[in-house]
Amino acid sequence: MAKKKKSVELSDKKIKFTIEKRFFKAIRYYPTAMSLDAMELDEKGDKLGVINLAFAHIPKDIKKIVKPK
């Protein structure tokens, strides 16, 4: 039986999205925990820090890119 991946690297896909006027760039997706590591950015594109977001809080169009059916 194939071993399941612990995480899916997304930093090479350059997925960017906004939540409540905050800008994020997707870094890594954890399918077992249903969470996403995202880099928070300011308006200029400067890095503010890494945040772990619940998959339910991500916009629907980004969910389709991260976890296609």
PDB file of N, CA and C in Angstrom:
ATOM      1  N   MET A   1       0.842  -1.171   0.000  1.00  0.00           N
ATOM      2  CA  MET A   1       0.000   0.000   0.000  1.00  0.00           C
ATOM      3  C   MET A   1       0.892   1.240   0.000  1.00  0.00           C
ATOM      4  N   ALA A   2       0.499   2.243  -0.756  1.00  0.00           N
ATOM      5  CA  ALA A   2       1.278   3.471  -0.870  1.00  0.00           C
ATOM      6  C   ALA A   2       1.178   4.297   0.408  1.00  0.00           C
ATOM      7  N   LYS A   3       2.282   4.940   0.732  1.00  0.00           N
ATOM      8  CA  LYS A   3       2.320   5.774   1.926  1.00  0.00           C
ATOM      9  C   LYS A   3       1.725   7.143   1.606  1.00  0.00           C
ATOM     10  N   LYS A   4       0.870   7.664   2.496  1.00  0.00           N
ATOM     11  CA  LYS A   4       0.234   8.955   2.262  1.00  0.00           C
ATOM     12  C   LYS A   4       1.213  10.087   2.543  1.00  0.00           C
ATOM     13  N   LYS A   5       1.079  11.166   1.790  1.00  0.00           N
ATOM     14  CA  LYS A   5       1.911  12.338   2.013  1.00  0.00           C
ATOM     15  C   LYS A   5       1.467  13.055   3.279  1.00  0.00           C
ATOM     16  N   LYS A   6       2.432  13.573   4.022  1.00  0.00           N
ATOM     17  CA  LYS A   6       2.114  14.319   5.224  1.00  0.00           C
ATOM     18  C   LYS A   6       1.765  15.765   4.896  1.00  0.00           C
ATOM     19  N   SER A   7       2.343  16.293   3.803  1.00  0.00           N
ATOM     20  CA  SER A   7       2.032  17.660   3.390  1.00  0.00           C
ATOM     21  C   SER A   7       2.242  17.804   1.887  1.00  0.00           C
ATOM     22  N   VAL A   8       1.586  18.818   1.318  1.00  0.00           N
ATOM     23  CA  VAL A   8       1.707  19.113  -0.108  1.00  0.00           C
ATOM     24  C   VAL A   8       2.311  20.505  -0.234  1.00  0.00           C
ATOM     25  N   GLU A   9       3.442  20.602  -0.916  1.00  0.00           N
ATOM     26  CA  GLU A   9       4.139  21.874  -1.076  1.00  0.00           C
ATOM     27  C   GLU A   9       3.421  22.731  -2.121  1.00  0.00           C
ATOM     28  N   LEU A  10       3.092  23.973  -1.773  1.00  0.00           N
ATOM     29  CA  LEU A  10       2.361  24.867  -2.671  1.00  0.00           C
ATOM     30  C   LEU A  10       3.126  26.141  -2.998  1.00  0.00           C
ATOM     31  N   SER A  11       4.301  26.326  -2.419  1.00  0.00           N
ATOM     32  CA  SER A  11       5.029  27.579  -2.608  1.00  0.00           C
ATOM     33  C   SER A  11       5.440  27.795  -4.065  1.00  0.00           C
ATOM     34  N   ASP A  12       5.667  26.717  -4.819  1.00  0.00           N
ATOM     35  CA  ASP A  12       6.051  26.860  -6.221  1.00  0.00           C
ATOM     36  C   ASP A  12       4.878  27.257  -7.119  1.00  0.00           C
ATOM     37  N   LYS A  13       3.632  27.083  -6.655  1.00  0.00           N
ATOM     38  CA  LYS A  13       2.450  27.445  -7.450  1.00  0.00           C
ATOM     39  C   LYS A  13       2.079  28.920  -7.332  1.00  0.00           C
ATOM     40  N   LYS A  14       2.647  29.623  -6.357  1.00  0.00           N
ATOM     41  CA  LYS A  14       2.425  31.063  -6.156  1.00  0.00           C
ATOM     42  C   LYS A  14       0.938  31.403  -6.045  1.00  0.00           C
ATOM     43  N   ILE A  15       0.248  30.732  -5.138  1.00  0.00           N
ATOM     44  CA  ILE A  15      -1.181  30.953  -4.907  1.00  0.00           C
ATOM     45  C   ILE A  15      -1.337  32.079  -3.894  1.00  0.00           C
ATOM     46  N   LYS A  16      -1.978  33.174  -4.312  1.00  0.00           N
ATOM     47  CA  LYS A  16      -2.200  34.317  -3.424  1.00  0.00           C
ATOM     48  C   LYS A  16      -3.692  34.553  -3.262  1.00  0.00           C
ATOM     49  N   PHE A  17      -4.103  34.971  -2.047  1.00  0.00           N
ATOM     50  CA  PHE A  17      -5.510  35.234  -1.772  1.00  0.00           C
ATOM     51  C   PHE A  17      -5.632  36.234  -0.636  1.00  0.00           C
ATOM     52  N   THR A  18      -6.846  36.776  -0.462  1.00  0.00           N
ATOM     53  CA  THR A  18      -7.104  37.733   0.609  1.00  0.00           C
ATOM     54  C   THR A  18      -8.247  37.232   1.487  1.00  0.00           C
ATOM     55  N   ILE A  19      -8.147  37.535   2.767  1.00  0.00           N
ATOM     56  CA  ILE A  19      -9.208  37.261   3.734  1.00  0.00           C
ATOM     57  C   ILE A  19      -9.329  38.505   4.603  1.00  0.00           C
ATOM     58  N   GLU A  20     -10.491  39.150   4.571  1.00  0.00           N
ATOM     59  CA  GLU A  20     -10.773  40.336   5.378  1.00  0.00           C
ATOM     60  C   GLU A  20      -9.670  41.394   5.259  1.00  0.00           C
ATOM     61  N   LYS A  21      -9.330  41.777   4.051  1.00  0.00           N
ATOM     62  CA  LYS A  21      -8.330  42.807   3.739  1.00  0.00           C
ATOM     63  C   LYS A  21      -6.917  42.439   4.188  1.00  0.00           C
ATOM     64  N   ARG A  22      -6.663  41.136   4.395  1.00  0.00           N
ATOM     65  CA  ARG A  22      -5.324  40.640   4.707  1.00  0.00           C
ATOM     66  C   ARG A  22      -4.871  39.776   3.536  1.00  0.00           C
ATOM     67  N   PHE A  23      -3.620  39.934   3.126  1.00  0.00           N
ATOM     68  CA  PHE A  23      -3.081  39.237   1.967  1.00  0.00           C
ATOM     69  C   PHE A  23      -2.265  38.029   2.422  1.00  0.00           C
ATOM     70  N   PHE A  24      -2.431  36.896   1.702  1.00  0.00           N
ATOM     71  CA  PHE A  24      -1.737  35.661   2.041  1.00  0.00           C
ATOM     72  C   PHE A  24      -1.176  35.003   0.785  1.00  0.00           C
ATOM     73  N   LYS A  25      -0.109  34.219   0.979  1.00  0.00           N
ATOM     74  CA  LYS A  25       0.459  33.380  -0.073  1.00  0.00           C
ATOM     75  C   LYS A  25       0.551  31.963   0.493  1.00  0.00           C
ATOM     76  N   ALA A  26      -0.054  30.999  -0.193  1.00  0.00           N
ATOM     77  CA  ALA A  26      -0.078  29.609   0.279  1.00  0.00           C
ATOM     78  C   ALA A  26       1.316  28.996   0.216  1.00  0.00           C
ATOM     79  N   ILE A  27       1.693  28.303   1.283  1.00  0.00           N
ATOM     80  CA  ILE A  27       3.008  27.665   1.358  1.00  0.00           C
ATOM     81  C   ILE A  27       2.883  26.144   1.339  1.00  0.00           C
ATOM     82  N   ARG A  28       2.049  25.590   2.241  1.00  0.00           N
ATOM     83  CA  ARG A  28       1.970  24.144   2.412  1.00  0.00           C
ATOM     84  C   ARG A  28       0.569  23.752   2.861  1.00  0.00           C
ATOM     85  N   TYR A  29       0.086  22.613   2.355  1.00  0.00           N
ATOM     86  CA  TYR A  29      -1.233  22.087   2.725  1.00  0.00           C
ATOM     87  C   TYR A  29      -1.048  20.755   3.438  1.00  0.00           C
ATOM     88  N   TYR A  30      -1.715  20.603   4.591  1.00  0.00           N
ATOM     89  CA  TYR A  30      -1.671  19.368   5.373  1.00  0.00           C
ATOM     90  C   TYR A  30      -3.018  18.655   5.249  1.00  0.00           C
ATOM     91  N   PRO A  31      -3.115  17.610   4.405  1.00  0.00           N
ATOM     92  CA  PRO A  31      -4.402  16.933   4.192  1.00  0.00           C
ATOM     93  C   PRO A  31      -4.943  16.225   5.434  1.00  0.00           C
ATOM     94  N   THR A  32      -4.085  15.682   6.280  1.00  0.00           N
ATOM     95  CA  THR A  32      -4.568  14.968   7.461  1.00  0.00           C
ATOM     96  C   THR A  32      -5.162  15.923   8.491  1.00  0.00           C
ATOM     97  N   ALA A  33      -4.596  17.118   8.611  1.00  0.00           N
ATOM     98  CA  ALA A  33      -5.095  18.109   9.570  1.00  0.00           C
ATOM     99  C   ALA A  33      -6.081  19.080   8.926  1.00  0.00           C
ATOM    100  N   MET A  34      -6.232  19.017   7.605  1.00  0.00           N
ATOM    101  CA  MET A  34      -7.091  19.939   6.849  1.00  0.00           C
ATOM    102  C   MET A  34      -6.744  21.395   7.196  1.00  0.00           C
ATOM    103  N   SER A  35      -5.450  21.717   7.095  1.00  0.00           N
ATOM    104  CA  SER A  35      -4.998  23.077   7.365  1.00  0.00           C
ATOM    105  C   SER A  35      -3.983  23.503   6.315  1.00  0.00           C
ATOM    106  N   LEU A  36      -3.720  24.803   6.277  1.00  0.00           N
ATOM    107  CA  LEU A  36      -2.852  25.390   5.263  1.00  0.00           C
ATOM    108  C   LEU A  36      -1.905  26.364   5.944  1.00  0.00           C
ATOM    109  N   ASP A  37      -0.602  26.229   5.683  1.00  0.00           N
ATOM    110  CA  ASP A  37       0.364  27.229   6.123  1.00  0.00           C
ATOM    111  C   ASP A  37       0.387  28.321   5.068  1.00  0.00           C
ATOM    112  N   ALA A  38       0.272  29.575   5.510  1.00  0.00           N
ATOM    113  CA  ALA A  38       0.254  30.698   4.579  1.00  0.00           C
ATOM    114  C   ALA A  38       1.133  31.818   5.107  1.00  0.00           C
ATOM    115  N   MET A  39       1.848  32.484   4.202  1.00  0.00           N
ATOM    116  CA  MET A  39       2.663  33.641   4.546  1.00  0.00           C
ATOM    117  C   MET A  39       1.777  34.872   4.472  1.00  0.00           C
ATOM    118  N   GLU A  40       1.707  35.632   5.552  1.00  0.00           N
ATOM    119  CA  GLU A  40       0.922  36.867   5.551  1.00  0.00           C
ATOM    120  C   GLU A  40       1.781  37.980   4.967  1.00  0.00           C
ATOM    121  N   LEU A  41       1.196  38.752   4.051  1.00  0.00           N
ATOM    122  CA  LEU A  41       1.900  39.836   3.369  1.00  0.00           C
ATOM    123  C   LEU A  41       1.179  41.154   3.616  1.00  0.00           C
ATOM    124  N   ASP A  42       1.942  42.260   3.540  1.00  0.00           N
ATOM    125  CA  ASP A  42       1.289  43.568   3.606  1.00  0.00           C
ATOM    126  C   ASP A  42       0.999  44.046   2.187  1.00  0.00           C
ATOM    127  N   GLU A  43       0.497  45.275   2.043  1.00  0.00           N
ATOM    128  CA  GLU A  43       0.100  45.792   0.723  1.00  0.00           C
ATOM    129  C   GLU A  43       1.277  45.881  -0.245  1.00  0.00           C
ATOM    130  N   LYS A  44       2.478  46.091   0.271  1.00  0.00           N
ATOM    131  CA  LYS A  44       3.671  46.219  -0.570  1.00  0.00           C
ATOM    132  C   LYS A  44       4.249  44.865  -0.974  1.00  0.00           C
ATOM    133  N   GLY A  45       3.791  43.802  -0.325  1.00  0.00           N
ATOM    134  CA  GLY A  45       4.302  42.467  -0.608  1.00  0.00           C
ATOM    135  C   GLY A  45       5.361  42.020   0.377  1.00  0.00           C
ATOM    136  N   ASP A  46       5.606  42.812   1.426  1.00  0.00           N
ATOM    137  CA  ASP A  46       6.582  42.442   2.448  1.00  0.00           C
ATOM    138  C   ASP A  46       6.007  41.351   3.347  1.00  0.00           C
ATOM    139  N   LYS A  47       6.863  40.444   3.782  1.00  0.00           N
ATOM    140  CA  LYS A  47       6.437  39.312   4.611  1.00  0.00           C
ATOM    141  C   LYS A  47       6.205  39.762   6.051  1.00  0.00           C
ATOM    142  N   LEU A  48       5.078  39.339   6.623  1.00  0.00           N
ATOM    143  CA  LEU A  48       4.753  39.651   8.013  1.00  0.00           C
ATOM    144  C   LEU A  48       4.893  38.435   8.922  1.00  0.00           C
ATOM    145  N   GLY A  49       4.728  37.237   8.387  1.00  0.00           N
ATOM    146  CA  GLY A  49       4.854  36.025   9.190  1.00  0.00           C
ATOM    147  C   GLY A  49       4.073  34.873   8.596  1.00  0.00           C
ATOM    148  N   VAL A  50       4.266  33.684   9.170  1.00  0.00           N
ATOM    149  CA  VAL A  50       3.586  32.475   8.702  1.00  0.00           C
ATOM    150  C   VAL A  50       2.436  32.157   9.649  1.00  0.00           C
ATOM    151  N   ILE A  51       1.271  31.851   9.067  1.00  0.00           N
ATOM    152  CA  ILE A  51       0.066  31.550   9.830  1.00  0.00           C
ATOM    153  C   ILE A  51      -0.481  30.205   9.367  1.00  0.00           C
ATOM    154  N   ASN A  52      -0.982  29.411  10.311  1.00  0.00           N
ATOM    155  CA  ASN A  52      -1.639  28.156   9.980  1.00  0.00           C
ATOM    156  C   ASN A  52      -3.141  28.413   9.967  1.00  0.00           C
ATOM    157  N   LEU A  53      -3.765  28.289   8.787  1.00  0.00           N
ATOM    158  CA  LEU A  53      -5.195  28.550   8.621  1.00  0.00           C
ATOM    159  C   LEU A  53      -5.971  27.243   8.499  1.00  0.00           C
ATOM    160  N   ALA A  54      -7.143  27.208   9.088  1.00  0.00           N
ATOM    161  CA  ALA A  54      -8.035  26.064   8.909  1.00  0.00           C
ATOM    162  C   ALA A  54      -8.543  26.064   7.469  1.00  0.00           C
ATOM    163  N   PHE A  55      -8.677  24.885   6.896  1.00  0.00           N
ATOM    164  CA  PHE A  55      -9.097  24.772   5.498  1.00  0.00           C
ATOM    165  C   PHE A  55     -10.474  25.388   5.274  1.00  0.00           C
ATOM    166  N   ALA A  56     -11.327  25.368   6.273  1.00  0.00           N
ATOM    167  CA  ALA A  56     -12.680  25.924   6.159  1.00  0.00           C
ATOM    168  C   ALA A  56     -12.673  27.446   6.014  1.00  0.00           C
ATOM    169  N   HIS A  57     -11.609  28.111   6.417  1.00  0.00           N
ATOM    170  CA  HIS A  57     -11.543  29.571   6.374  1.00  0.00           C
ATOM    171  C   HIS A  57     -10.942  30.113   5.081  1.00  0.00           C
ATOM    172  N   ILE A  58     -10.552  29.230   4.186  1.00  0.00           N
ATOM    173  CA  ILE A  58      -9.931  29.632   2.923  1.00  0.00           C
ATOM    174  C   ILE A  58     -11.020  29.876   1.884  1.00  0.00           C
ATOM    175  N   PRO A  59     -10.849  30.890   0.997  1.00  0.00           N
ATOM    176  CA  PRO A  59     -11.847  31.137  -0.055  1.00  0.00           C
ATOM    177  C   PRO A  59     -12.066  29.908  -0.939  1.00  0.00           C
ATOM    178  N   LYS A  60     -13.295  29.770  -1.434  1.00  0.00           N
ATOM    179  CA  LYS A  60     -13.710  28.580  -2.187  1.00  0.00           C
ATOM    180  C   LYS A  60     -12.877  28.363  -3.453  1.00  0.00           C
ATOM    181  N   ASP A  61     -12.537  29.426  -4.181  1.00  0.00           N
ATOM    182  CA  ASP A  61     -11.753  29.260  -5.407  1.00  0.00           C
ATOM    183  C   ASP A  61     -10.334  28.767  -5.109  1.00  0.00           C
ATOM    184  N   ILE A  62      -9.788  29.117  -3.964  1.00  0.00           N
ATOM    185  CA  ILE A  62      -8.459  28.640  -3.570  1.00  0.00           C
ATOM    186  C   ILE A  62      -8.528  27.170  -3.148  1.00  0.00           C
ATOM    187  N   LYS A  63      -9.610  26.774  -2.505  1.00  0.00           N
ATOM    188  CA  LYS A  63      -9.791  25.371  -2.108  1.00  0.00           C
ATOM    189  C   LYS A  63      -9.757  24.452  -3.322  1.00  0.00           C
ATOM    190  N   LYS A  64     -10.346  24.890  -4.422  1.00  0.00           N
ATOM    191  CA  LYS A  64     -10.379  24.071  -5.640  1.00  0.00           C
ATOM    192  C   LYS A  64      -8.983  23.877  -6.215  1.00  0.00           C
ATOM    193  N   ILE A  65      -8.112  24.876  -6.066  1.00  0.00           N
ATOM    194  CA  ILE A  65      -6.737  24.777  -6.561  1.00  0.00           C
ATOM    195  C   ILE A  65      -5.915  23.863  -5.652  1.00  0.00           C
ATOM    196  N   VAL A  66      -6.075  24.047  -4.344  1.00  0.00           N
ATOM    197  CA  VAL A  66      -5.285  23.300  -3.364  1.00  0.00           C
ATOM    198  C   VAL A  66      -5.681  21.833  -3.326  1.00  0.00           C
ATOM    199  N   LYS A  67      -6.980  21.553  -3.318  1.00  0.00           N
ATOM    200  CA  LYS A  67      -7.473  20.180  -3.186  1.00  0.00           C
ATOM    201  C   LYS A  67      -8.451  19.861  -4.316  1.00  0.00           C
ATOM    202  N   PRO A  68      -7.947  19.584  -5.525  1.00  0.00           N
ATOM    203  CA  PRO A  68      -8.857  19.249  -6.629  1.00  0.00           C
ATOM    204  C   PRO A  68      -9.477  17.871  -6.424  1.00  0.00           C
ATOM    205  N   LYS A  69     -10.700  17.696  -6.938  1.00  0.00           N
ATOM    206  CA  LYS A  69     -11.403  16.409  -6.785  1.00  0.00           C
ATOM    207  C   LYS A  69     -11.002  15.446  -7.861  1.00  0.00           C
TER     208      LYS A  69
END
